Amino acid sequence: MPEKRKTVARLDSNYMQQYDAYIERQKRKKKRLIRRLVLFSVIVALTVGTMTTYHFKQRSVHAEKVEEYKQLQSQLEKLKDNEEKYKEEIKLLNDEEYILDIARTNYFLSKEGELIFKIPEEDPSY
């Protein structure tokens, strides 16, 4: 047996019109509030996402720069060592006796009355 639907007659009074208008305004306010909250949430999410991405990019750039700095520091140390060696060599090359010794050993130059004998290098396999 189908149930009967109970209906109440709607009064078309000034109060009911005002109440309907009030309910409609409340619905529109709620809809606008939800739209504003969604828009604000999207803006916040985009801002946070952008800042996070930027932060991680900056961290990777910083790590690369630190690594490059370490490499350049080690290269600088090597160059300073080379500079010290070259300064020492310059100092030695300004000494005439040192140059003569180099000429004698490398180019088999001799002093007056001096004989040079070349001795073959020993074979380390014996």
Protein backbone atom coordinates (compact mmCIF):
# COMPACT_ATOMS: atom_id res chain seq x y z
CA MET A 1 0.00 0.00 0.00
CA PRO A 2 1.58 3.27 -1.03
CA GLU A 3 2.28 5.72 1.70
CA LYS A 4 0.53 8.96 1.60
CA ARG A 5 2.66 11.96 1.49
CA LYS A 6 1.80 14.53 4.02
CA THR A 7 1.95 17.98 2.61
CA VAL A 8 1.52 21.20 4.38
CA ALA A 9 0.04 24.10 2.62
CA ARG A 10 2.47 26.90 2.15
CA LEU A 11 1.33 30.26 3.20
CA ASP A 12 2.19 33.02 0.81
CA SER A 13 2.68 35.66 3.44
CA ASN A 14 5.14 38.54 3.74
CA TYR A 15 6.97 36.69 6.51
CA MET A 16 7.48 33.62 4.33
CA GLN A 17 8.79 35.75 1.47
CA GLN A 18 11.27 37.43 3.82
CA TYR A 19 12.27 34.08 5.27
CA ASP A 20 12.82 32.61 1.79
CA ALA A 21 14.89 35.67 0.84
CA TYR A 22 16.90 35.28 4.06
CA ILE A 23 17.54 31.58 3.36
CA GLU A 24 18.57 32.41 -0.22
CA ARG A 25 21.00 35.12 1.03
CA GLN A 26 22.49 32.66 3.51
CA LYS A 27 23.03 30.11 0.73
CA ARG A 28 24.71 32.72 -1.49
CA LYS A 29 26.90 33.88 1.42
CA LYS A 30 27.92 30.30 2.14
CA LYS A 31 28.67 29.71 -1.55
CA ARG A 32 30.82 32.88 -1.74
CA LEU A 33 32.63 31.93 1.46
CA ILE A 34 33.45 28.48 0.08
CA ARG A 35 34.69 30.03 -3.19
CA ARG A 36 36.91 32.49 -1.30
CA LEU A 37 38.29 29.74 0.92
CA VAL A 38 39.03 27.53 -2.09
CA LEU A 39 40.73 30.43 -3.90
CA PHE A 40 42.75 31.31 -0.81
CA SER A 41 43.76 27.66 -0.35
CA VAL A 42 44.88 27.41 -3.99
CA ILE A 43 46.94 30.61 -3.65
CA VAL A 44 48.52 29.38 -0.42
CA ALA A 45 49.26 25.97 -1.95
CA LEU A 46 50.88 27.58 -5.01
CA THR A 47 52.93 29.92 -2.84
CA VAL A 48 54.12 27.14 -0.57
CA GLY A 49 54.89 24.91 -3.56
CA THR A 50 56.85 27.67 -5.28
CA MET A 51 58.80 28.49 -2.13
CA THR A 52 59.57 24.82 -1.51
CA THR A 53 60.79 24.34 -5.07
CA TYR A 54 62.92 27.48 -4.83
CA HIS A 55 64.36 26.32 -1.50
CA PHE A 56 65.43 22.94 -2.85
CA LYS A 57 66.93 24.51 -5.97
CA GLN A 58 68.91 26.89 -3.79
CA ARG A 59 70.12 24.01 -1.64
CA SER A 60 71.39 22.16 -4.70
CA VAL A 61 73.08 25.31 -6.04
CA HIS A 62 74.66 25.86 -2.63
CA ALA A 63 75.93 22.27 -2.51
CA GLU A 64 77.44 22.68 -5.99
CA LYS A 65 79.12 25.93 -4.97
CA VAL A 66 80.54 24.37 -1.80
CA GLU A 67 81.96 21.49 -3.84
CA GLU A 68 83.42 23.91 -6.37
CA TYR A 69 84.90 25.95 -3.53
CA LYS A 70 86.58 22.87 -2.06
CA GLN A 71 88.03 21.96 -5.44
CA LEU A 72 89.31 25.47 -5.96
CA GLN A 73 90.82 25.49 -2.46
CA SER A 74 92.74 22.28 -3.19
CA GLN A 75 93.82 23.69 -6.55
CA LEU A 76 95.00 26.85 -4.79
CA GLU A 77 97.06 24.79 -2.35
CA LYS A 78 98.70 22.93 -5.24
CA LEU A 79 99.45 26.21 -6.99
CA LYS A 80 100.96 27.66 -3.82
CA ASP A 81 103.18 24.60 -3.49
CA ASN A 82 104.25 24.99 -7.12
CA GLU A 83 104.90 28.68 -6.52
CA GLU A 84 107.21 27.87 -3.61
CA LYS A 85 109.06 25.30 -5.72
CA TYR A 86 109.44 27.77 -8.58
CA LYS A 87 110.69 30.50 -6.23
CA GLU A 88 113.27 28.09 -4.87
CA GLU A 89 114.27 27.09 -8.39
CA ILE A 90 114.59 30.75 -9.41
CA LYS A 91 116.79 31.37 -6.41
CA LEU A 92 118.96 28.38 -7.36
CA LEU A 93 119.10 29.40 -11.02
CA ASN A 94 120.50 32.77 -10.00
CA ASP A 95 123.48 30.89 -8.53
CA GLU A 96 126.20 30.39 -11.15
CA GLU A 97 127.63 27.30 -9.45
CA TYR A 98 124.25 25.55 -9.58
CA ILE A 99 123.90 26.28 -13.30
CA LEU A 100 127.39 24.91 -13.92
CA ASP A 101 126.56 21.75 -11.99
CA ILE A 102 123.43 21.24 -14.06
CA ALA A 103 125.37 21.79 -17.27
CA ARG A 104 128.01 19.27 -16.19
CA THR A 105 125.52 16.56 -15.21
CA ASN A 106 122.99 16.97 -18.03
CA TYR A 107 125.18 18.03 -20.94
CA PHE A 108 128.47 16.36 -19.99
CA LEU A 109 130.37 19.61 -19.83
CA SER A 110 133.59 19.48 -17.94
CA LYS A 111 135.95 21.76 -16.13
CA GLU A 112 139.35 22.35 -17.57
CA GLY A 113 141.43 19.22 -17.30
CA GLU A 114 138.51 17.09 -16.12
CA LEU A 115 137.61 13.79 -17.80
CA ILE A 116 134.04 12.51 -17.88
CA PHE A 117 133.26 8.81 -17.89
CA LYS A 118 129.73 7.66 -18.55
CA ILE A 119 128.89 4.63 -16.43
CA PRO A 120 126.03 2.52 -17.67
CA GLU A 121 123.12 2.33 -15.29
CA GLU A 122 122.82 -0.87 -13.35
CA ASP A 123 120.09 -3.30 -14.25
CA PRO A 124 117.87 -3.75 -11.15
CA SER A 125 116.93 -7.32 -12.16
CA TYR A 126 120.24 -8.75 -10.86
